[in-house]
Amino acid sequence: MNTLIKTGIIAIATLSIAACTTTREVERGALGGAAAGAAIGAGVGAVSGDVKVGEGAAVGAAVGAVAGAVYGNNKDRQYNGGTTRAPILDDRLYFDENTKRYYRYERGTNRTFYENGQQRS
C-alpha cells in the first residue's frame, strides 16, 4: 500500500507541474501518457501476479505522464521555434508592399501572420 500512495503522489505532482505551462501539447501529452501508462501498468499487474493491478496502474500512470509531458514539450518547442512559451501575436499591424496586405509579428518566434491568421512566408 505504501508503494501505491507514493506512486499516486508522484503522479499528482507530475500532472501538477505539467499543468503550470502555458502551452497545450505538454498537457495533452501528460494526460495521454498517464492514461496509456495506467492501462499498460494495470495489464502488466494483472498478468504478472507479482504486482497488484492498482500498483501497476499507478506506476504506469506516473511514468506515462512524465514521458507524455516530455514528448509534448518537445512538440511545443518544434512548433514554437525553440521556445515553450505560447505564441503571442504583436498588436501592431505592418503593411507588406508586395502583397498589399497587413500582417503581425509573433513574439518569441519572429514568424509573421496575415490578418486572417494565414502564416506569411
N, C-alpha and C. Protein backbone atom coordinates (compact mmCIF):
# COMPACT_ATOMS: atom_id res chain seq x y z
N MET A 1 0.81 -1.19 0.00
CA MET A 1 0.00 0.00 0.00
C MET A 1 0.86 1.26 0.00
N ASN A 2 2.01 1.19 0.66
CA ASN A 2 2.92 2.34 0.68
C ASN A 2 3.35 2.72 -0.73
N THR A 3 3.64 1.73 -1.56
CA THR A 3 4.07 1.97 -2.93
C THR A 3 2.97 2.66 -3.72
N LEU A 4 1.74 2.25 -3.50
CA LEU A 4 0.62 2.85 -4.20
C LEU A 4 0.47 4.32 -3.82
N ILE A 5 0.59 4.64 -2.57
CA ILE A 5 0.46 6.02 -2.11
C ILE A 5 1.60 6.88 -2.66
N LYS A 6 2.82 6.37 -2.60
CA LYS A 6 3.97 7.13 -3.11
C LYS A 6 3.83 7.37 -4.61
N THR A 7 3.41 6.35 -5.33
CA THR A 7 3.27 6.49 -6.77
C THR A 7 2.15 7.47 -7.11
N GLY A 8 1.07 7.42 -6.35
CA GLY A 8 -0.02 8.38 -6.57
C GLY A 8 0.44 9.81 -6.35
N ILE A 9 1.24 10.02 -5.33
CA ILE A 9 1.77 11.36 -5.06
C ILE A 9 2.66 11.82 -6.21
N ILE A 10 3.49 10.93 -6.71
CA ILE A 10 4.36 11.27 -7.85
C ILE A 10 3.52 11.61 -9.07
N ALA A 11 2.48 10.83 -9.34
CA ALA A 11 1.62 11.10 -10.49
C ALA A 11 0.93 12.45 -10.37
N ILE A 12 0.42 12.76 -9.19
CA ILE A 12 -0.25 14.04 -8.98
C ILE A 12 0.74 15.19 -9.12
N ALA A 13 1.93 15.04 -8.57
CA ALA A 13 2.94 16.08 -8.69
C ALA A 13 3.34 16.31 -10.14
N THR A 14 3.49 15.23 -10.89
CA THR A 14 3.86 15.33 -12.30
C THR A 14 2.79 16.06 -13.09
N LEU A 15 1.54 15.70 -12.88
CA LEU A 15 0.47 16.36 -13.60
C LEU A 15 0.32 17.81 -13.17
N SER A 16 0.60 18.12 -11.92
CA SER A 16 0.55 19.50 -11.45
C SER A 16 1.61 20.35 -12.13
N ILE A 17 2.79 19.81 -12.27
CA ILE A 17 3.87 20.53 -12.94
C ILE A 17 3.53 20.74 -14.41
N ALA A 18 2.99 19.72 -15.04
CA ALA A 18 2.62 19.84 -16.45
C ALA A 18 1.50 20.87 -16.64
N ALA A 19 0.62 21.01 -15.68
CA ALA A 19 -0.49 21.95 -15.79
C ALA A 19 -0.04 23.39 -15.63
N CYS A 20 1.18 23.64 -15.16
CA CYS A 20 1.66 25.00 -14.95
C CYS A 20 2.19 25.65 -16.21
N THR A 21 2.26 24.94 -17.30
CA THR A 21 2.79 25.50 -18.53
C THR A 21 1.73 26.30 -19.25
N THR A 22 2.14 27.06 -20.23
CA THR A 22 1.20 27.90 -20.97
C THR A 22 0.88 27.32 -22.34
N THR A 23 1.35 26.16 -22.64
CA THR A 23 1.10 25.56 -23.94
C THR A 23 0.17 24.38 -23.82
N ARG A 24 -0.29 23.88 -24.95
CA ARG A 24 -1.28 22.82 -24.91
C ARG A 24 -0.69 21.43 -25.06
N GLU A 25 0.37 21.27 -25.79
CA GLU A 25 0.88 19.94 -26.08
C GLU A 25 1.43 19.23 -24.86
N VAL A 26 1.99 19.96 -23.91
CA VAL A 26 2.53 19.34 -22.69
C VAL A 26 1.39 18.69 -21.90
N GLU A 27 0.29 19.43 -21.75
CA GLU A 27 -0.85 18.90 -21.01
C GLU A 27 -1.44 17.69 -21.73
N ARG A 28 -1.61 17.81 -23.04
CA ARG A 28 -2.16 16.70 -23.81
C ARG A 28 -1.26 15.47 -23.72
N GLY A 29 0.04 15.68 -23.83
CA GLY A 29 0.98 14.57 -23.76
C GLY A 29 0.97 13.92 -22.39
N ALA A 30 0.93 14.72 -21.33
CA ALA A 30 0.93 14.18 -19.97
C ALA A 30 -0.35 13.39 -19.71
N LEU A 31 -1.47 13.93 -20.14
CA LEU A 31 -2.74 13.25 -19.92
C LEU A 31 -2.82 11.95 -20.72
N GLY A 32 -2.45 12.01 -21.98
CA GLY A 32 -2.46 10.80 -22.81
C GLY A 32 -1.47 9.77 -22.32
N GLY A 33 -0.28 10.23 -21.92
CA GLY A 33 0.72 9.31 -21.40
C GLY A 33 0.29 8.66 -20.11
N ALA A 34 -0.37 9.43 -19.24
CA ALA A 34 -0.86 8.88 -17.97
C ALA A 34 -1.93 7.83 -18.22
N ALA A 35 -2.82 8.11 -19.14
CA ALA A 35 -3.89 7.15 -19.45
C ALA A 35 -3.32 5.86 -20.05
N ALA A 36 -2.44 6.02 -21.02
CA ALA A 36 -1.85 4.83 -21.64
C ALA A 36 -0.98 4.07 -20.65
N GLY A 37 -0.21 4.79 -19.85
CA GLY A 37 0.64 4.14 -18.85
C GLY A 37 -0.17 3.40 -17.80
N ALA A 38 -1.30 3.99 -17.38
CA ALA A 38 -2.15 3.32 -16.40
C ALA A 38 -2.72 2.03 -16.97
N ALA A 39 -3.15 2.07 -18.22
CA ALA A 39 -3.70 0.87 -18.85
C ALA A 39 -2.64 -0.22 -19.00
N ILE A 40 -1.46 0.17 -19.45
CA ILE A 40 -0.38 -0.81 -19.61
C ILE A 40 0.06 -1.34 -18.26
N GLY A 41 0.21 -0.46 -17.28
CA GLY A 41 0.62 -0.88 -15.95
C GLY A 41 -0.40 -1.82 -15.31
N ALA A 42 -1.68 -1.54 -15.48
CA ALA A 42 -2.72 -2.42 -14.94
C ALA A 42 -2.68 -3.78 -15.63
N GLY A 43 -2.44 -3.77 -16.93
CA GLY A 43 -2.33 -5.02 -17.67
C GLY A 43 -1.14 -5.85 -17.21
N VAL A 44 0.00 -5.20 -17.02
CA VAL A 44 1.19 -5.91 -16.54
C VAL A 44 0.95 -6.46 -15.15
N GLY A 45 0.29 -5.66 -14.30
CA GLY A 45 -0.01 -6.12 -12.95
C GLY A 45 -0.94 -7.32 -12.95
N ALA A 46 -1.91 -7.32 -13.85
CA ALA A 46 -2.86 -8.43 -13.92
C ALA A 46 -2.21 -9.70 -14.44
N VAL A 47 -1.30 -9.55 -15.38
CA VAL A 47 -0.67 -10.73 -15.99
C VAL A 47 0.46 -11.29 -15.13
N SER A 48 1.25 -10.41 -14.54
CA SER A 48 2.45 -10.87 -13.84
C SER A 48 2.15 -11.58 -12.53
N GLY A 49 1.20 -11.10 -11.78
CA GLY A 49 0.91 -11.70 -10.49
C GLY A 49 1.83 -11.21 -9.39
N ASP A 50 2.99 -10.68 -9.71
CA ASP A 50 3.92 -10.15 -8.72
C ASP A 50 3.50 -8.76 -8.25
N VAL A 51 2.85 -8.01 -9.13
CA VAL A 51 2.45 -6.64 -8.85
C VAL A 51 0.93 -6.58 -8.86
N LYS A 52 0.36 -5.86 -7.91
CA LYS A 52 -1.09 -5.70 -7.88
C LYS A 52 -1.52 -4.80 -9.03
N VAL A 53 -2.75 -4.99 -9.48
CA VAL A 53 -3.25 -4.23 -10.61
C VAL A 53 -3.23 -2.72 -10.32
N GLY A 54 -3.66 -2.32 -9.12
CA GLY A 54 -3.69 -0.91 -8.76
C GLY A 54 -2.30 -0.29 -8.72
N GLU A 55 -1.35 -1.04 -8.17
CA GLU A 55 0.03 -0.53 -8.11
C GLU A 55 0.62 -0.40 -9.52
N GLY A 56 0.35 -1.39 -10.35
CA GLY A 56 0.84 -1.32 -11.74
C GLY A 56 0.25 -0.15 -12.48
N ALA A 57 -1.04 0.10 -12.25
CA ALA A 57 -1.70 1.23 -12.91
C ALA A 57 -1.12 2.56 -12.42
N ALA A 58 -0.86 2.67 -11.12
CA ALA A 58 -0.32 3.91 -10.57
C ALA A 58 1.09 4.19 -11.09
N VAL A 59 1.92 3.16 -11.09
CA VAL A 59 3.29 3.34 -11.59
C VAL A 59 3.25 3.65 -13.08
N GLY A 60 2.42 2.94 -13.82
CA GLY A 60 2.30 3.21 -15.25
C GLY A 60 1.82 4.61 -15.54
N ALA A 61 0.87 5.10 -14.73
CA ALA A 61 0.36 6.46 -14.93
C ALA A 61 1.44 7.50 -14.68
N ALA A 62 2.23 7.29 -13.62
CA ALA A 62 3.30 8.24 -13.32
C ALA A 62 4.35 8.27 -14.42
N VAL A 63 4.79 7.09 -14.83
CA VAL A 63 5.81 7.02 -15.89
C VAL A 63 5.26 7.55 -17.20
N GLY A 64 4.02 7.19 -17.52
CA GLY A 64 3.40 7.66 -18.76
C GLY A 64 3.21 9.17 -18.78
N ALA A 65 2.84 9.75 -17.62
CA ALA A 65 2.65 11.20 -17.56
C ALA A 65 3.95 11.93 -17.79
N VAL A 66 5.02 11.45 -17.21
CA VAL A 66 6.33 12.09 -17.40
C VAL A 66 6.76 11.96 -18.86
N ALA A 67 6.64 10.76 -19.41
CA ALA A 67 7.04 10.56 -20.82
C ALA A 67 6.18 11.40 -21.75
N GLY A 68 4.88 11.46 -21.50
CA GLY A 68 3.99 12.26 -22.34
C GLY A 68 4.27 13.75 -22.24
N ALA A 69 4.59 14.22 -21.03
CA ALA A 69 4.91 15.63 -20.86
C ALA A 69 6.20 16.00 -21.60
N VAL A 70 7.17 15.13 -21.54
CA VAL A 70 8.43 15.38 -22.26
C VAL A 70 8.18 15.41 -23.77
N TYR A 71 7.38 14.46 -24.25
CA TYR A 71 7.04 14.43 -25.67
C TYR A 71 6.30 15.70 -26.08
N GLY A 72 5.32 16.11 -25.28
CA GLY A 72 4.57 17.32 -25.58
C GLY A 72 5.43 18.57 -25.54
N ASN A 73 6.38 18.62 -24.62
CA ASN A 73 7.30 19.75 -24.53
C ASN A 73 8.15 19.84 -25.80
N ASN A 74 8.64 18.70 -26.26
CA ASN A 74 9.43 18.70 -27.49
C ASN A 74 8.60 19.12 -28.69
N LYS A 75 7.35 18.69 -28.73
CA LYS A 75 6.46 19.07 -29.82
C LYS A 75 6.21 20.57 -29.80
N ASP A 76 6.00 21.14 -28.60
CA ASP A 76 5.83 22.58 -28.49
C ASP A 76 7.06 23.33 -28.96
N ARG A 77 8.22 22.84 -28.58
CA ARG A 77 9.46 23.51 -29.00
C ARG A 77 9.61 23.51 -30.51
N GLN A 78 9.25 22.42 -31.16
CA GLN A 78 9.32 22.36 -32.62
C GLN A 78 8.35 23.36 -33.24
N TYR A 79 7.15 23.41 -32.71
CA TYR A 79 6.13 24.29 -33.29
C TYR A 79 6.42 25.75 -33.02
N ASN A 80 6.89 26.08 -31.84
CA ASN A 80 7.07 27.47 -31.43
C ASN A 80 8.48 28.00 -31.67
N GLY A 81 9.26 27.34 -32.47
CA GLY A 81 10.57 27.86 -32.82
C GLY A 81 11.57 27.80 -31.69
N GLY A 82 11.54 26.75 -30.86
CA GLY A 82 12.54 26.56 -29.82
C GLY A 82 12.14 27.06 -28.45
N THR A 83 10.96 27.60 -28.30
CA THR A 83 10.51 28.08 -27.01
C THR A 83 9.29 27.30 -26.56
N THR A 84 9.09 27.20 -25.26
CA THR A 84 7.90 26.52 -24.76
C THR A 84 6.79 27.50 -24.42
N ARG A 85 7.04 28.78 -24.60
CA ARG A 85 6.00 29.77 -24.35
C ARG A 85 4.97 29.71 -25.46
N ALA A 86 3.74 30.01 -25.10
CA ALA A 86 2.68 30.06 -26.10
C ALA A 86 2.93 31.24 -27.03
N PRO A 87 2.70 31.07 -28.33
CA PRO A 87 2.92 32.17 -29.26
C PRO A 87 1.95 33.32 -28.98
N ILE A 88 2.47 34.54 -29.03
CA ILE A 88 1.66 35.74 -28.79
C ILE A 88 1.86 36.68 -29.97
N LEU A 89 0.78 37.03 -30.62
CA LEU A 89 0.87 37.96 -31.74
C LEU A 89 0.99 39.39 -31.22
N ASP A 90 1.88 40.14 -31.85
CA ASP A 90 2.05 41.56 -31.53
C ASP A 90 0.79 42.30 -31.98
N ASP A 91 0.40 43.32 -31.24
CA ASP A 91 -0.82 44.07 -31.56
C ASP A 91 -0.65 45.01 -32.75
N ARG A 92 0.58 45.37 -33.06
CA ARG A 92 0.82 46.31 -34.16
C ARG A 92 0.65 45.63 -35.51
N LEU A 93 0.10 46.37 -36.46
CA LEU A 93 -0.05 45.88 -37.83
C LEU A 93 1.05 46.49 -38.70
N TYR A 94 1.58 45.68 -39.59
CA TYR A 94 2.57 46.13 -40.56
C TYR A 94 1.99 45.89 -41.95
N PHE A 95 2.45 46.69 -42.90
CA PHE A 95 1.93 46.57 -44.26
C PHE A 95 2.99 46.02 -45.18
N ASP A 96 2.63 44.99 -45.92
CA ASP A 96 3.53 44.38 -46.90
C ASP A 96 3.25 45.01 -48.25
N GLU A 97 4.22 45.75 -48.78
CA GLU A 97 4.05 46.44 -50.05
C GLU A 97 3.88 45.48 -51.22
N ASN A 98 4.53 44.32 -51.15
CA ASN A 98 4.46 43.38 -52.27
C ASN A 98 3.08 42.74 -52.40
N THR A 99 2.50 42.33 -51.28
CA THR A 99 1.21 41.64 -51.32
C THR A 99 0.03 42.58 -51.06
N LYS A 100 0.34 43.81 -50.62
CA LYS A 100 -0.68 44.79 -50.27
C LYS A 100 -1.60 44.27 -49.16
N ARG A 101 -1.00 43.57 -48.18
CA ARG A 101 -1.76 43.02 -47.07
C ARG A 101 -1.10 43.41 -45.75
N TYR A 102 -1.91 43.47 -44.70
CA TYR A 102 -1.41 43.74 -43.36
C TYR A 102 -1.02 42.43 -42.67
N TYR A 103 -0.01 42.51 -41.81
CA TYR A 103 0.44 41.33 -41.09
C TYR A 103 0.90 41.72 -39.69
N ARG A 104 1.08 40.70 -38.84
CA ARG A 104 1.55 40.88 -37.46
C ARG A 104 2.72 39.95 -37.20
N TYR A 105 3.60 40.37 -36.26
CA TYR A 105 4.70 39.53 -35.80
C TYR A 105 4.24 38.68 -34.63
N GLU A 106 4.81 37.52 -34.52
CA GLU A 106 4.58 36.65 -33.37
C GLU A 106 5.78 36.78 -32.44
N ARG A 107 5.53 37.21 -31.22
CA ARG A 107 6.63 37.40 -30.27
C ARG A 107 7.29 36.07 -29.93
N GLY A 108 8.60 36.10 -29.82
CA GLY A 108 9.36 34.92 -29.43
C GLY A 108 9.82 34.07 -30.60
N THR A 109 9.06 34.04 -31.67
CA THR A 109 9.44 33.20 -32.81
C THR A 109 9.77 34.01 -34.05
N ASN A 110 9.34 35.26 -34.09
CA ASN A 110 9.55 36.16 -35.23
C ASN A 110 8.87 35.67 -36.50
N ARG A 111 7.89 34.77 -36.36
CA ARG A 111 7.09 34.41 -37.52
C ARG A 111 6.08 35.53 -37.75
N THR A 112 5.56 35.63 -38.96
CA THR A 112 4.57 36.65 -39.27
C THR A 112 3.31 36.00 -39.81
N PHE A 113 2.18 36.65 -39.53
CA PHE A 113 0.88 36.14 -39.95
C PHE A 113 0.05 37.28 -40.52
N TYR A 114 -0.69 36.96 -41.59
CA TYR A 114 -1.63 37.93 -42.13
C TYR A 114 -2.81 38.07 -41.17
N GLU A 115 -3.65 39.07 -41.40
CA GLU A 115 -4.77 39.35 -40.50
C GLU A 115 -5.73 38.17 -40.37
N ASN A 116 -5.86 37.35 -41.40
CA ASN A 116 -6.78 36.22 -41.33
C ASN A 116 -6.17 34.99 -40.64
N GLY A 117 -4.93 35.11 -40.15
CA GLY A 117 -4.28 34.01 -39.44
C GLY A 117 -3.34 33.17 -40.30
N GLN A 118 -3.37 33.36 -41.60
CA GLN A 118 -2.51 32.61 -42.51
C GLN A 118 -1.05 33.01 -42.28
N GLN A 119 -0.18 32.02 -42.21
CA GLN A 119 1.23 32.33 -41.99
C GLN A 119 1.82 32.96 -43.24
N ARG A 120 2.58 34.02 -43.03
CA ARG A 120 3.22 34.75 -44.11
C ARG A 120 4.57 34.11 -44.38
N SER A 121 4.87 33.81 -45.61
CA SER A 121 6.16 33.16 -45.92
C SER A 121 7.26 34.15 -46.14
